[in-house]
Amino acid sequence: MSYKIQEIEGIGPAYSEKLSAANITTTEELLKLCCDKNGRKTTAETTGLPEKQLLKWANMADLMRISGVGGEYSELLEAAGVDTVKELRNRNAENLAAKMAEINETKKLTRTVPSEKTVAGWIEQAKALDPMISH
């Protein structure tokens, strides 16, 4: 599932313009170019953006491959300690849903928190996807 690059939390018009100059306009393109250290280094040189920021956005793009996650929930998952699809596939739905609710209580990242059933569905989807991010 691919989204416009601006769907990632934290990418506004200025960052979007820099990424577009490097031919990155979708989450799929970002993930392809920034899935490994060499790709992030090259993209950082092209865009002037820090590698660390590109990794964060690539992680969010990775999670957005899960149907129903989108930009908002990818940020909440990251705050709960889940950075990638590979990490999500190994989580316990009950524990993760509780952690997401706890974090959202203080950080207010999303209007609603996904149910345990929804999180379990995400975990199942993650198990069917190939990992894409390498550090």
N, C-alpha and C. Protein backbone atom coordinates (compact mmCIF):
# COMPACT_ATOMS: atom_id res chain seq x y z
N MET A 1 0.85 -1.18 0.00
CA MET A 1 0.00 0.00 0.00
C MET A 1 0.89 1.24 0.00
N SER A 2 0.68 2.11 -0.96
CA SER A 2 1.51 3.30 -1.08
C SER A 2 0.67 4.56 -0.87
N TYR A 3 1.27 5.51 -0.18
CA TYR A 3 0.62 6.79 0.12
C TYR A 3 1.47 7.93 -0.42
N LYS A 4 0.88 9.12 -0.53
CA LYS A 4 1.67 10.30 -0.84
C LYS A 4 2.62 10.52 0.32
N ILE A 5 3.80 11.02 0.02
CA ILE A 5 4.85 11.18 1.02
C ILE A 5 4.39 12.06 2.20
N GLN A 6 3.51 13.02 1.94
CA GLN A 6 3.04 13.92 2.99
C GLN A 6 2.16 13.23 4.02
N GLU A 7 1.73 12.00 3.74
CA GLU A 7 0.91 11.24 4.69
C GLU A 7 1.73 10.82 5.91
N ILE A 8 3.05 10.80 5.78
CA ILE A 8 3.90 10.45 6.91
C ILE A 8 3.92 11.64 7.87
N GLU A 9 3.66 11.35 9.16
CA GLU A 9 3.67 12.41 10.17
C GLU A 9 5.04 13.08 10.18
N GLY A 10 5.04 14.41 10.11
CA GLY A 10 6.29 15.15 10.17
C GLY A 10 6.80 15.62 8.81
N ILE A 11 6.22 15.11 7.73
CA ILE A 11 6.65 15.57 6.40
C ILE A 11 5.64 16.61 5.91
N GLY A 12 6.07 17.85 5.96
CA GLY A 12 5.24 18.95 5.47
C GLY A 12 5.73 19.40 4.11
N PRO A 13 5.29 20.56 3.66
CA PRO A 13 5.65 21.06 2.32
C PRO A 13 7.16 21.19 2.09
N ALA A 14 7.90 21.69 3.07
CA ALA A 14 9.35 21.91 2.88
C ALA A 14 10.09 20.59 2.69
N TYR A 15 9.82 19.61 3.56
CA TYR A 15 10.48 18.30 3.43
C TYR A 15 10.00 17.58 2.17
N SER A 16 8.72 17.72 1.88
CA SER A 16 8.15 17.08 0.70
C SER A 16 8.86 17.58 -0.56
N GLU A 17 9.14 18.88 -0.61
CA GLU A 17 9.83 19.47 -1.76
C GLU A 17 11.23 18.90 -1.91
N LYS A 18 11.95 18.77 -0.80
CA LYS A 18 13.31 18.21 -0.84
C LYS A 18 13.27 16.75 -1.31
N LEU A 19 12.31 15.99 -0.81
CA LEU A 19 12.19 14.59 -1.21
C LEU A 19 11.77 14.47 -2.67
N SER A 20 10.87 15.33 -3.11
CA SER A 20 10.42 15.32 -4.51
C SER A 20 11.58 15.59 -5.47
N ALA A 21 12.50 16.45 -5.05
CA ALA A 21 13.68 16.75 -5.87
C ALA A 21 14.54 15.50 -6.07
N ALA A 22 14.41 14.53 -5.16
CA ALA A 22 15.13 13.26 -5.28
C ALA A 22 14.22 12.17 -5.84
N ASN A 23 13.11 12.59 -6.48
CA ASN A 23 12.13 11.67 -7.07
C ASN A 23 11.45 10.77 -6.05
N ILE A 24 11.24 11.29 -4.85
CA ILE A 24 10.52 10.55 -3.81
C ILE A 24 9.21 11.30 -3.55
N THR A 25 8.11 10.72 -4.05
CA THR A 25 6.80 11.36 -3.85
C THR A 25 5.80 10.44 -3.16
N THR A 26 6.19 9.16 -2.98
CA THR A 26 5.30 8.20 -2.32
C THR A 26 6.06 7.45 -1.23
N THR A 27 5.30 6.82 -0.33
CA THR A 27 5.92 6.03 0.73
C THR A 27 6.68 4.84 0.14
N GLU A 28 6.17 4.29 -0.96
CA GLU A 28 6.83 3.16 -1.61
C GLU A 28 8.21 3.57 -2.15
N GLU A 29 8.28 4.74 -2.77
CA GLU A 29 9.56 5.23 -3.30
C GLU A 29 10.54 5.52 -2.16
N LEU A 30 10.04 6.11 -1.08
CA LEU A 30 10.89 6.38 0.08
C LEU A 30 11.45 5.08 0.64
N LEU A 31 10.60 4.09 0.78
CA LEU A 31 11.01 2.80 1.33
C LEU A 31 12.05 2.12 0.44
N LYS A 32 11.84 2.17 -0.87
CA LYS A 32 12.80 1.57 -1.81
C LYS A 32 14.18 2.21 -1.71
N LEU A 33 14.20 3.54 -1.64
CA LEU A 33 15.48 4.26 -1.63
C LEU A 33 16.15 4.31 -0.26
N CYS A 34 15.36 4.21 0.80
CA CYS A 34 15.92 4.40 2.15
C CYS A 34 15.83 3.14 3.01
N CYS A 35 15.69 1.97 2.39
CA CYS A 35 15.52 0.75 3.18
C CYS A 35 16.83 0.24 3.78
N ASP A 36 17.97 0.71 3.28
CA ASP A 36 19.24 0.29 3.86
C ASP A 36 20.16 1.50 4.06
N LYS A 37 21.24 1.27 4.78
CA LYS A 37 22.15 2.36 5.16
C LYS A 37 22.71 3.10 3.94
N ASN A 38 23.14 2.36 2.91
CA ASN A 38 23.69 3.00 1.71
C ASN A 38 22.66 3.88 1.02
N GLY A 39 21.43 3.38 0.92
CA GLY A 39 20.36 4.15 0.29
C GLY A 39 20.05 5.42 1.06
N ARG A 40 20.03 5.31 2.40
CA ARG A 40 19.78 6.50 3.22
C ARG A 40 20.91 7.50 3.09
N LYS A 41 22.14 7.00 2.99
CA LYS A 41 23.30 7.90 2.85
C LYS A 41 23.21 8.67 1.53
N THR A 42 22.93 7.96 0.46
CA THR A 42 22.80 8.59 -0.86
C THR A 42 21.65 9.60 -0.88
N THR A 43 20.51 9.21 -0.30
CA THR A 43 19.35 10.10 -0.26
C THR A 43 19.63 11.32 0.60
N ALA A 44 20.36 11.13 1.69
CA ALA A 44 20.73 12.26 2.56
C ALA A 44 21.60 13.25 1.80
N GLU A 45 22.54 12.72 1.02
CA GLU A 45 23.42 13.60 0.22
C GLU A 45 22.62 14.35 -0.84
N THR A 46 21.66 13.68 -1.45
CA THR A 46 20.84 14.29 -2.51
C THR A 46 19.89 15.35 -1.96
N THR A 47 19.28 15.06 -0.80
CA THR A 47 18.23 15.94 -0.27
C THR A 47 18.71 16.94 0.76
N GLY A 48 19.86 16.65 1.39
CA GLY A 48 20.33 17.51 2.48
C GLY A 48 19.63 17.19 3.80
N LEU A 49 18.85 16.11 3.83
CA LEU A 49 18.16 15.69 5.05
C LEU A 49 19.02 14.71 5.83
N PRO A 50 18.95 14.72 7.16
CA PRO A 50 19.76 13.80 7.97
C PRO A 50 19.34 12.34 7.77
N GLU A 51 20.34 11.45 7.76
CA GLU A 51 20.07 10.01 7.62
C GLU A 51 19.12 9.51 8.70
N LYS A 52 19.30 10.01 9.91
CA LYS A 52 18.46 9.58 11.04
C LYS A 52 16.99 9.89 10.77
N GLN A 53 16.73 11.06 10.20
CA GLN A 53 15.35 11.45 9.87
C GLN A 53 14.80 10.57 8.76
N LEU A 54 15.63 10.28 7.76
CA LEU A 54 15.21 9.41 6.66
C LEU A 54 14.88 8.01 7.17
N LEU A 55 15.66 7.52 8.14
CA LEU A 55 15.39 6.20 8.73
C LEU A 55 14.05 6.22 9.45
N LYS A 56 13.79 7.26 10.22
CA LYS A 56 12.51 7.36 10.94
C LYS A 56 11.35 7.33 9.95
N TRP A 57 11.45 8.12 8.88
CA TRP A 57 10.38 8.15 7.88
C TRP A 57 10.27 6.82 7.13
N ALA A 58 11.40 6.18 6.85
CA ALA A 58 11.37 4.88 6.16
C ALA A 58 10.69 3.84 7.06
N ASN A 59 10.98 3.89 8.36
CA ASN A 59 10.32 2.98 9.31
C ASN A 59 8.81 3.20 9.28
N MET A 60 8.39 4.46 9.27
CA MET A 60 6.95 4.76 9.24
C MET A 60 6.34 4.27 7.92
N ALA A 61 7.05 4.48 6.82
CA ALA A 61 6.57 4.01 5.51
C ALA A 61 6.45 2.49 5.51
N ASP A 62 7.38 1.82 6.18
CA ASP A 62 7.35 0.36 6.29
C ASP A 62 6.07 -0.07 7.02
N LEU A 63 5.79 0.55 8.15
CA LEU A 63 4.58 0.21 8.91
C LEU A 63 3.30 0.54 8.15
N MET A 64 3.36 1.56 7.31
CA MET A 64 2.19 1.96 6.54
C MET A 64 1.83 0.95 5.44
N ARG A 65 2.70 -0.05 5.22
CA ARG A 65 2.36 -1.13 4.28
C ARG A 65 1.23 -1.99 4.85
N ILE A 66 1.04 -1.93 6.16
CA ILE A 66 -0.02 -2.69 6.83
C ILE A 66 -1.35 -1.95 6.62
N SER A 67 -2.33 -2.64 6.08
CA SER A 67 -3.64 -2.04 5.85
C SER A 67 -4.25 -1.56 7.17
N GLY A 68 -4.63 -0.28 7.20
CA GLY A 68 -5.24 0.28 8.41
C GLY A 68 -4.30 1.06 9.30
N VAL A 69 -2.99 0.98 9.05
CA VAL A 69 -2.04 1.69 9.91
C VAL A 69 -1.97 3.17 9.55
N GLY A 70 -1.62 3.50 8.32
CA GLY A 70 -1.54 4.91 7.92
C GLY A 70 -0.51 5.69 8.71
N GLY A 71 -0.42 6.98 8.42
CA GLY A 71 0.58 7.84 9.05
C GLY A 71 0.39 8.02 10.54
N GLU A 72 -0.86 8.17 10.96
CA GLU A 72 -1.15 8.43 12.36
C GLU A 72 -0.77 7.24 13.25
N TYR A 73 -1.22 6.05 12.89
CA TYR A 73 -0.92 4.88 13.71
C TYR A 73 0.53 4.45 13.61
N SER A 74 1.19 4.75 12.49
CA SER A 74 2.62 4.40 12.39
C SER A 74 3.41 5.17 13.44
N GLU A 75 3.02 6.42 13.69
CA GLU A 75 3.70 7.22 14.72
C GLU A 75 3.41 6.66 16.11
N LEU A 76 2.18 6.23 16.36
CA LEU A 76 1.83 5.64 17.66
C LEU A 76 2.55 4.31 17.86
N LEU A 77 2.63 3.49 16.82
CA LEU A 77 3.37 2.22 16.91
C LEU A 77 4.84 2.49 17.25
N GLU A 78 5.42 3.47 16.58
CA GLU A 78 6.82 3.80 16.84
C GLU A 78 7.01 4.26 18.30
N ALA A 79 6.09 5.06 18.79
CA ALA A 79 6.16 5.53 20.18
C ALA A 79 6.03 4.36 21.16
N ALA A 80 5.34 3.29 20.73
CA ALA A 80 5.17 2.10 21.56
C ALA A 80 6.33 1.12 21.40
N GLY A 81 7.34 1.50 20.61
CA GLY A 81 8.53 0.67 20.47
C GLY A 81 8.55 -0.25 19.27
N VAL A 82 7.59 -0.08 18.36
CA VAL A 82 7.54 -0.90 17.14
C VAL A 82 7.92 -0.01 15.96
N ASP A 83 9.12 -0.23 15.42
CA ASP A 83 9.63 0.62 14.34
C ASP A 83 9.35 0.07 12.95
N THR A 84 9.28 -1.26 12.82
CA THR A 84 9.21 -1.87 11.50
C THR A 84 8.19 -3.02 11.46
N VAL A 85 7.86 -3.43 10.24
CA VAL A 85 6.99 -4.60 10.04
C VAL A 85 7.64 -5.83 10.68
N LYS A 86 8.95 -5.97 10.52
CA LYS A 86 9.67 -7.11 11.09
C LYS A 86 9.48 -7.17 12.60
N GLU A 87 9.51 -6.01 13.26
CA GLU A 87 9.33 -5.95 14.70
C GLU A 87 7.87 -6.22 15.09
N LEU A 88 6.95 -5.70 14.30
CA LEU A 88 5.52 -5.86 14.59
C LEU A 88 5.11 -7.33 14.58
N ARG A 89 5.65 -8.10 13.66
CA ARG A 89 5.24 -9.50 13.52
C ARG A 89 5.52 -10.34 14.77
N ASN A 90 6.44 -9.88 15.62
CA ASN A 90 6.81 -10.63 16.82
C ASN A 90 6.13 -10.14 18.09
N ARG A 91 5.20 -9.22 17.96
CA ARG A 91 4.55 -8.64 19.14
C ARG A 91 3.29 -9.40 19.55
N ASN A 92 2.95 -9.25 20.83
CA ASN A 92 1.73 -9.80 21.40
C ASN A 92 0.65 -8.72 21.30
N ALA A 93 -0.47 -9.05 20.68
CA ALA A 93 -1.52 -8.05 20.42
C ALA A 93 -2.05 -7.41 21.70
N GLU A 94 -2.29 -8.21 22.72
CA GLU A 94 -2.84 -7.68 23.97
C GLU A 94 -1.88 -6.68 24.61
N ASN A 95 -0.62 -7.06 24.70
CA ASN A 95 0.39 -6.18 25.31
C ASN A 95 0.60 -4.91 24.49
N LEU A 96 0.67 -5.06 23.16
CA LEU A 96 0.92 -3.91 22.30
C LEU A 96 -0.27 -2.93 22.32
N ALA A 97 -1.48 -3.46 22.28
CA ALA A 97 -2.67 -2.59 22.33
C ALA A 97 -2.69 -1.81 23.64
N ALA A 98 -2.34 -2.47 24.74
CA ALA A 98 -2.31 -1.81 26.05
C ALA A 98 -1.23 -0.72 26.07
N LYS A 99 -0.07 -1.03 25.53
CA LYS A 99 1.03 -0.05 25.49
C LYS A 99 0.65 1.16 24.64
N MET A 100 0.01 0.91 23.50
CA MET A 100 -0.41 2.00 22.62
C MET A 100 -1.43 2.91 23.33
N ALA A 101 -2.35 2.30 24.06
CA ALA A 101 -3.36 3.08 24.80
C ALA A 101 -2.69 3.92 25.88
N GLU A 102 -1.73 3.31 26.57
CA GLU A 102 -1.00 4.02 27.64
C GLU A 102 -0.22 5.22 27.08
N ILE A 103 0.46 5.02 25.98
CA ILE A 103 1.24 6.10 25.37
C ILE A 103 0.33 7.19 24.82
N ASN A 104 -0.76 6.79 24.20
CA ASN A 104 -1.66 7.79 23.62
C ASN A 104 -2.33 8.63 24.71
N GLU A 105 -2.50 8.04 25.88
CA GLU A 105 -3.08 8.77 27.02
C GLU A 105 -2.25 10.01 27.35
N THR A 106 -0.93 9.86 27.28
CA THR A 106 -0.05 11.00 27.62
C THR A 106 0.34 11.83 26.40
N LYS A 107 0.63 11.18 25.27
CA LYS A 107 1.13 11.91 24.10
C LYS A 107 0.05 12.41 23.16
N LYS A 108 -1.14 11.83 23.25
CA LYS A 108 -2.26 12.25 22.39
C LYS A 108 -1.89 12.27 20.90
N LEU A 109 -1.33 11.16 20.43
CA LEU A 109 -0.90 11.07 19.03
C LEU A 109 -2.05 10.79 18.07
N THR A 110 -3.07 10.07 18.57
CA THR A 110 -4.22 9.73 17.72
C THR A 110 -5.52 10.05 18.45
N ARG A 111 -6.58 10.24 17.67
CA ARG A 111 -7.89 10.50 18.28
C ARG A 111 -8.44 9.24 18.94
N THR A 112 -8.20 8.10 18.30
CA THR A 112 -8.66 6.83 18.86
C THR A 112 -7.49 5.87 18.91
N VAL A 113 -7.62 4.88 19.77
CA VAL A 113 -6.58 3.85 19.89
C VAL A 113 -7.15 2.57 19.28
N PRO A 114 -6.35 1.86 18.48
CA PRO A 114 -6.86 0.63 17.87
C PRO A 114 -7.16 -0.43 18.93
N SER A 115 -8.17 -1.24 18.65
CA SER A 115 -8.54 -2.32 19.57
C SER A 115 -7.50 -3.44 19.50
N GLU A 116 -7.56 -4.31 20.48
CA GLU A 116 -6.66 -5.48 20.49
C GLU A 116 -6.89 -6.32 19.23
N LYS A 117 -8.14 -6.45 18.80
CA LYS A 117 -8.47 -7.22 17.60
C LYS A 117 -7.82 -6.59 16.36
N THR A 118 -7.87 -5.27 16.27
CA THR A 118 -7.25 -4.56 15.15
C THR A 118 -5.75 -4.78 15.15
N VAL A 119 -5.13 -4.65 16.32
CA VAL A 119 -3.68 -4.84 16.45
C VAL A 119 -3.32 -6.28 16.08
N ALA A 120 -4.13 -7.24 16.49
CA ALA A 120 -3.88 -8.65 16.13
C ALA A 120 -3.91 -8.83 14.61
N GLY A 121 -4.83 -8.13 13.95
CA GLY A 121 -4.90 -8.17 12.48
C GLY A 121 -3.65 -7.60 11.84
N TRP A 122 -3.14 -6.51 12.41
CA TRP A 122 -1.90 -5.91 11.90
C TRP A 122 -0.74 -6.89 12.04
N ILE A 123 -0.68 -7.56 13.19
CA ILE A 123 0.40 -8.52 13.44
C ILE A 123 0.34 -9.65 12.41
N GLU A 124 -0.85 -10.14 12.12
CA GLU A 124 -1.01 -11.19 11.12
C GLU A 124 -0.58 -10.71 9.74
N GLN A 125 -0.94 -9.49 9.38
CA GLN A 125 -0.51 -8.93 8.09
C GLN A 125 1.01 -8.82 8.04
N ALA A 126 1.60 -8.38 9.15
CA ALA A 126 3.06 -8.21 9.22
C ALA A 126 3.78 -9.54 8.99
N LYS A 127 3.20 -10.61 9.49
CA LYS A 127 3.81 -11.94 9.33
C LYS A 127 3.85 -12.35 7.86
N ALA A 128 2.92 -11.81 7.06
CA ALA A 128 2.84 -12.18 5.64
C ALA A 128 3.70 -11.28 4.75
N LEU A 129 4.24 -10.20 5.30
CA LEU A 129 5.06 -9.27 4.50
C LEU A 129 6.55 -9.54 4.68
N ASP A 130 7.30 -9.30 3.63
CA ASP A 130 8.75 -9.42 3.72
C ASP A 130 9.32 -8.20 4.44
N PRO A 131 10.29 -8.41 5.34
CA PRO A 131 10.95 -7.27 5.97
C PRO A 131 11.68 -6.44 4.91
N MET A 132 11.67 -5.12 5.06
CA MET A 132 12.32 -4.26 4.06
C MET A 132 13.43 -3.40 4.63
N ILE A 133 13.38 -3.09 5.92
CA ILE A 133 14.34 -2.16 6.51
C ILE A 133 15.54 -2.92 7.08
N SER A 134 16.73 -2.42 6.75
CA SER A 134 17.94 -2.94 7.40
C SER A 134 18.72 -1.76 7.95
N HIS A 135 19.37 -1.99 9.07
CA HIS A 135 20.09 -0.89 9.74
C HIS A 135 21.54 -1.03 9.49
